[in-house]
Protein backbone atom coordinates (compact mmCIF):
# COMPACT_ATOMS: atom_id res chain seq x y z
CA VAL A 1 1.09 -3.64 -3.97
CA ALA A 2 -1.97 -4.34 -0.99
CA LYS A 3 -4.00 -4.99 -4.20
CA ASP A 4 -1.93 -7.45 -5.64
CA LEU A 5 -0.83 -8.77 -2.63
CA GLY A 6 -4.80 -9.18 -1.81
CA LEU A 7 -4.10 -7.32 1.37
CA GLN A 8 -6.75 -4.87 3.10
CA LEU A 9 -5.28 -1.19 3.79
CA PRO A 10 -5.79 -1.63 7.72
CA GLU A 11 -3.59 -5.18 7.55
CA THR A 12 -0.54 -3.44 5.60
CA ARG A 13 -0.35 -1.11 8.45
CA ASP A 14 -0.50 -4.12 11.19
CA THR A 15 1.79 -6.46 8.85
CA GLY A 16 5.46 -5.46 8.41
CA ILE A 17 5.71 -4.79 5.20
CA ARG A 18 8.76 -2.80 3.82
CA VAL A 19 10.16 -2.33 0.20
CA VAL A 20 14.56 -3.21 0.23
CA SER A 21 16.42 -1.54 -2.99
CA GLU A 22 19.75 -2.71 -3.19
CA GLY A 23 22.45 -0.40 -2.14
CA LYS A 24 22.48 2.02 0.35
CA THR A 25 19.97 4.67 -1.25
CA GLN A 26 16.30 2.93 -1.25
CA TYR A 27 14.61 4.34 -3.91
CA PHE A 28 10.92 3.68 -3.43
CA ALA A 29 8.36 2.80 -0.70
CA LEU A 30 5.20 1.23 -0.01
CA HIS A 31 2.35 4.47 0.83
CA GLY A 32 0.57 4.22 4.11
CA LYS A 33 -3.00 4.97 3.08
CA THR A 34 -3.13 3.73 -0.27
CA GLY A 35 -0.64 0.56 -0.56
CA HIS A 36 1.09 2.27 -3.40
CA LEU A 37 4.41 1.77 -4.39
CA VAL A 38 5.62 4.67 -4.43
CA THR A 39 9.32 6.80 -4.80
CA ALA A 40 11.23 7.55 -1.87
CA GLU A 41 13.16 10.02 -3.37
CA ARG A 42 13.96 11.78 -6.77
CA ILE A 43 15.93 9.17 -9.09
CA ASP A 44 18.56 10.72 -11.44
CA ARG A 45 18.90 8.36 -14.30
CA GLU A 46 22.54 9.87 -15.54
CA GLN A 47 23.85 9.62 -12.20
CA LEU A 48 22.89 6.17 -11.65
CA CYS A 49 23.15 4.61 -15.17
CA GLU A 50 25.66 6.72 -17.05
CA ARG A 51 27.15 4.12 -19.20
CA VAL A 52 24.04 1.69 -19.57
CA GLN A 53 21.69 2.08 -22.44
CA GLN A 54 18.99 0.61 -20.02
CA CYS A 55 18.47 1.39 -16.40
CA VAL A 56 16.10 -0.86 -13.78
CA LEU A 57 15.95 -0.61 -10.41
CA ARG A 58 15.48 -3.52 -8.60
CA CYS A 59 13.93 -3.87 -5.27
CA GLU A 60 12.31 -6.34 -3.28
CA LEU A 61 8.72 -6.96 -1.09
CA ILE A 62 9.35 -8.26 2.30
CA VAL A 63 6.02 -9.30 3.94
CA GLU A 64 6.04 -10.58 7.47
CA GLY A 65 3.30 -12.57 9.52
CA GLU A 66 0.65 -14.23 8.02
CA MET A 67 -0.62 -13.88 4.28
C-alpha cells in the first residue's frame, strides 16, 4: 500500500493511515514496518458468505494529511 501511494515507510507512521472495513469487524490492517496490507484476524469464509458463491470483503484506506 505504501509503495502504491508513493509513501516512504517513515511517512506511513507519521501520517494517519488506517484501513476501514464495512461492519463491526476490521479484517485488514496496515503493517507498520513494511506498509503491506495484512489480515488483522482469521477470516472464516463459511461464516461470512455461507449462502454466496463469490465472497468479497471491501475495505477503504483513509490517509490523513498531505500526499
